Amino acid sequence: MEFVLLWVLSGNILDSGLRYEDAGSCYADAQNSGIELREIGLTPPKFTCVAVAKGKDLKLVVPATPRSSFPFN
């Protein structure tokens, strides 16, 4: 099992591409990134760490919404 760091930006979910051996490492890295962004005056995005079977791809299935900022859902 590995953990994937997902960023949540304006209601859209983005795969960071970062993979971790455990949930603690995933969470700590996301927290540290948030601290670094705050230090330069940016608001960090929300995040979540999701468990994925090792070697498997993560497929995000997010329903289209009328307010989506992406023209293709």
N, C-alpha and C. Protein backbone atom coordinates (compact mmCIF):
# COMPACT_ATOMS: atom_id res chain seq x y z
N MET A 1 0.86 -1.17 0.00
CA MET A 1 0.00 0.00 0.00
C MET A 1 0.90 1.22 0.00
N GLU A 2 0.53 2.20 -0.81
CA GLU A 2 1.21 3.49 -0.78
C GLU A 2 0.15 4.59 -0.69
N PHE A 3 0.60 5.78 -0.38
CA PHE A 3 -0.33 6.90 -0.21
C PHE A 3 -0.02 7.98 -1.23
N VAL A 4 -1.08 8.53 -1.81
CA VAL A 4 -0.98 9.55 -2.85
C VAL A 4 -1.45 10.87 -2.26
N LEU A 5 -0.69 11.92 -2.51
CA LEU A 5 -1.06 13.25 -2.04
C LEU A 5 -1.92 13.91 -3.11
N LEU A 6 -3.16 14.27 -2.74
CA LEU A 6 -4.08 14.96 -3.64
C LEU A 6 -4.30 16.38 -3.13
N TRP A 7 -4.23 17.36 -4.03
CA TRP A 7 -4.51 18.75 -3.70
C TRP A 7 -5.93 19.06 -4.14
N VAL A 8 -6.64 19.85 -3.36
CA VAL A 8 -8.01 20.27 -3.69
C VAL A 8 -7.95 21.78 -3.92
N LEU A 9 -8.13 22.18 -5.20
CA LEU A 9 -8.05 23.59 -5.58
C LEU A 9 -9.38 24.02 -6.16
N SER A 10 -10.05 24.93 -5.49
CA SER A 10 -11.35 25.46 -5.96
C SER A 10 -12.33 24.36 -6.31
N GLY A 11 -12.37 23.31 -5.51
CA GLY A 11 -13.29 22.21 -5.75
C GLY A 11 -12.81 21.19 -6.77
N ASN A 12 -11.64 21.42 -7.38
CA ASN A 12 -11.07 20.46 -8.32
C ASN A 12 -9.99 19.66 -7.62
N ILE A 13 -9.92 18.38 -7.92
CA ILE A 13 -8.95 17.49 -7.29
C ILE A 13 -7.81 17.24 -8.25
N LEU A 14 -6.57 17.47 -7.78
CA LEU A 14 -5.39 17.28 -8.60
C LEU A 14 -4.45 16.29 -7.95
N ASP A 15 -3.99 15.32 -8.73
CA ASP A 15 -3.00 14.37 -8.25
C ASP A 15 -1.65 15.07 -8.25
N SER A 16 -0.98 15.12 -7.11
CA SER A 16 0.31 15.79 -7.01
C SER A 16 1.41 15.00 -7.71
N GLY A 17 1.16 13.69 -7.91
CA GLY A 17 2.21 12.83 -8.47
C GLY A 17 3.15 12.30 -7.40
N LEU A 18 2.95 12.74 -6.17
CA LEU A 18 3.82 12.31 -5.08
C LEU A 18 3.26 11.06 -4.41
N ARG A 19 4.13 10.08 -4.16
CA ARG A 19 3.74 8.81 -3.53
C ARG A 19 4.56 8.61 -2.27
N TYR A 20 3.93 8.04 -1.24
CA TYR A 20 4.58 7.86 0.06
C TYR A 20 4.37 6.44 0.56
N GLU A 21 5.29 6.00 1.40
CA GLU A 21 5.21 4.66 1.99
C GLU A 21 4.17 4.58 3.10
N ASP A 22 3.91 5.71 3.76
CA ASP A 22 2.94 5.69 4.86
C ASP A 22 2.18 7.01 4.91
N ALA A 23 1.03 6.99 5.57
CA ALA A 23 0.16 8.16 5.63
C ALA A 23 0.82 9.31 6.38
N GLY A 24 1.62 9.01 7.39
CA GLY A 24 2.28 10.05 8.17
C GLY A 24 3.23 10.88 7.33
N SER A 25 3.99 10.23 6.47
CA SER A 25 4.92 10.95 5.58
C SER A 25 4.16 11.83 4.60
N CYS A 26 3.06 11.31 4.09
CA CYS A 26 2.23 12.05 3.15
C CYS A 26 1.69 13.31 3.82
N TYR A 27 1.13 13.15 5.00
CA TYR A 27 0.55 14.27 5.73
C TYR A 27 1.62 15.30 6.09
N ALA A 28 2.76 14.83 6.59
CA ALA A 28 3.83 15.74 7.00
C ALA A 28 4.35 16.55 5.82
N ASP A 29 4.52 15.93 4.67
CA ASP A 29 5.00 16.64 3.48
C ASP A 29 3.99 17.70 3.04
N ALA A 30 2.71 17.36 3.07
CA ALA A 30 1.68 18.33 2.70
C ALA A 30 1.66 19.50 3.68
N GLN A 31 1.78 19.22 4.96
CA GLN A 31 1.81 20.28 5.97
C GLN A 31 3.02 21.20 5.76
N ASN A 32 4.18 20.60 5.51
CA ASN A 32 5.39 21.39 5.29
C ASN A 32 5.27 22.26 4.05
N SER A 33 4.66 21.73 3.00
CA SER A 33 4.44 22.52 1.79
C SER A 33 3.54 23.70 2.09
N GLY A 34 2.51 23.46 2.91
CA GLY A 34 1.60 24.54 3.30
C GLY A 34 2.31 25.63 4.08
N ILE A 35 3.20 25.25 4.97
CA ILE A 35 3.96 26.22 5.77
C ILE A 35 4.83 27.06 4.84
N GLU A 36 5.48 26.41 3.87
CA GLU A 36 6.34 27.14 2.94
C GLU A 36 5.54 28.14 2.10
N LEU A 37 4.34 27.74 1.67
CA LEU A 37 3.50 28.65 0.90
C LEU A 37 3.06 29.84 1.74
N ARG A 38 2.71 29.60 3.01
CA ARG A 38 2.30 30.70 3.90
C ARG A 38 3.45 31.68 4.11
N GLU A 39 4.68 31.17 4.20
CA GLU A 39 5.84 32.03 4.43
C GLU A 39 6.06 33.03 3.30
N ILE A 40 5.62 32.69 2.09
CA ILE A 40 5.77 33.63 0.97
C ILE A 40 4.47 34.35 0.65
N GLY A 41 3.48 34.21 1.55
CA GLY A 41 2.24 34.97 1.42
C GLY A 41 1.13 34.33 0.61
N LEU A 42 1.26 33.05 0.30
CA LEU A 42 0.21 32.35 -0.45
C LEU A 42 -0.62 31.47 0.48
N THR A 43 -1.89 31.34 0.17
CA THR A 43 -2.76 30.44 0.93
C THR A 43 -2.60 29.03 0.37
N PRO A 44 -2.21 28.07 1.20
CA PRO A 44 -2.03 26.71 0.68
C PRO A 44 -3.38 26.06 0.36
N PRO A 45 -3.40 25.19 -0.63
CA PRO A 45 -4.64 24.49 -0.96
C PRO A 45 -4.93 23.42 0.09
N LYS A 46 -6.15 22.96 0.12
CA LYS A 46 -6.50 21.83 0.98
C LYS A 46 -5.90 20.58 0.37
N PHE A 47 -5.72 19.55 1.16
CA PHE A 47 -5.12 18.32 0.66
C PHE A 47 -5.74 17.12 1.34
N THR A 48 -5.50 15.97 0.76
CA THR A 48 -5.85 14.70 1.38
C THR A 48 -4.85 13.66 0.92
N CYS A 49 -4.64 12.66 1.74
CA CYS A 49 -3.76 11.54 1.40
C CYS A 49 -4.65 10.31 1.22
N VAL A 50 -4.52 9.65 0.08
CA VAL A 50 -5.38 8.53 -0.26
C VAL A 50 -4.54 7.27 -0.42
N ALA A 51 -5.00 6.17 0.17
CA ALA A 51 -4.30 4.89 0.04
C ALA A 51 -4.59 4.27 -1.32
N VAL A 52 -3.52 3.79 -1.98
CA VAL A 52 -3.63 3.15 -3.29
C VAL A 52 -2.75 1.91 -3.27
N ALA A 53 -3.21 0.84 -3.91
CA ALA A 53 -2.39 -0.37 -4.00
C ALA A 53 -1.10 -0.05 -4.72
N LYS A 54 0.01 -0.56 -4.21
CA LYS A 54 1.33 -0.28 -4.79
C LYS A 54 1.38 -0.72 -6.25
N GLY A 55 1.87 0.15 -7.10
CA GLY A 55 2.01 -0.16 -8.51
C GLY A 55 0.74 0.07 -9.33
N LYS A 56 -0.35 0.46 -8.69
CA LYS A 56 -1.61 0.71 -9.39
C LYS A 56 -1.77 2.21 -9.65
N ASP A 57 -2.44 2.55 -10.72
CA ASP A 57 -2.73 3.94 -11.03
C ASP A 57 -3.98 4.38 -10.29
N LEU A 58 -3.99 5.64 -9.93
CA LEU A 58 -5.16 6.23 -9.28
C LEU A 58 -6.03 6.83 -10.37
N LYS A 59 -7.30 6.45 -10.39
CA LYS A 59 -8.24 7.02 -11.35
C LYS A 59 -9.25 7.85 -10.57
N LEU A 60 -9.22 9.15 -10.82
CA LEU A 60 -10.14 10.05 -10.15
C LEU A 60 -11.42 10.15 -10.97
N VAL A 61 -12.53 9.90 -10.32
CA VAL A 61 -13.83 10.02 -10.98
C VAL A 61 -14.58 11.13 -10.25
N VAL A 62 -14.65 12.28 -10.89
CA VAL A 62 -15.30 13.44 -10.28
C VAL A 62 -16.40 13.88 -11.22
N PRO A 63 -17.63 13.93 -10.73
CA PRO A 63 -18.73 14.35 -11.62
C PRO A 63 -18.58 15.80 -12.05
N ALA A 64 -19.00 16.08 -13.26
CA ALA A 64 -18.97 17.45 -13.77
C ALA A 64 -19.98 18.30 -12.99
N THR A 65 -19.63 19.54 -12.78
CA THR A 65 -20.55 20.44 -12.09
C THR A 65 -20.76 21.67 -12.98
N PRO A 66 -21.90 22.30 -12.87
CA PRO A 66 -22.16 23.49 -13.70
C PRO A 66 -21.17 24.63 -13.42
N ARG A 67 -20.58 24.65 -12.23
CA ARG A 67 -19.67 25.73 -11.86
C ARG A 67 -18.21 25.40 -12.16
N SER A 68 -17.95 24.30 -12.82
CA SER A 68 -16.58 23.86 -13.06
C SER A 68 -15.81 24.89 -13.90
N SER A 69 -14.57 25.14 -13.50
CA SER A 69 -13.73 26.08 -14.24
C SER A 69 -13.03 25.39 -15.41
N PHE A 70 -13.15 24.07 -15.50
CA PHE A 70 -12.56 23.33 -16.61
C PHE A 70 -13.60 23.16 -17.71
N PRO A 71 -13.28 23.48 -18.95
CA PRO A 71 -14.28 23.39 -20.03
C PRO A 71 -14.58 21.97 -20.47
N PHE A 72 -13.80 21.02 -20.03
CA PHE A 72 -14.03 19.64 -20.45
C PHE A 72 -14.01 18.73 -19.23
N ASN A 73 -15.15 18.15 -18.91
CA ASN A 73 -15.27 17.22 -17.78
C ASN A 73 -15.85 15.92 -18.25
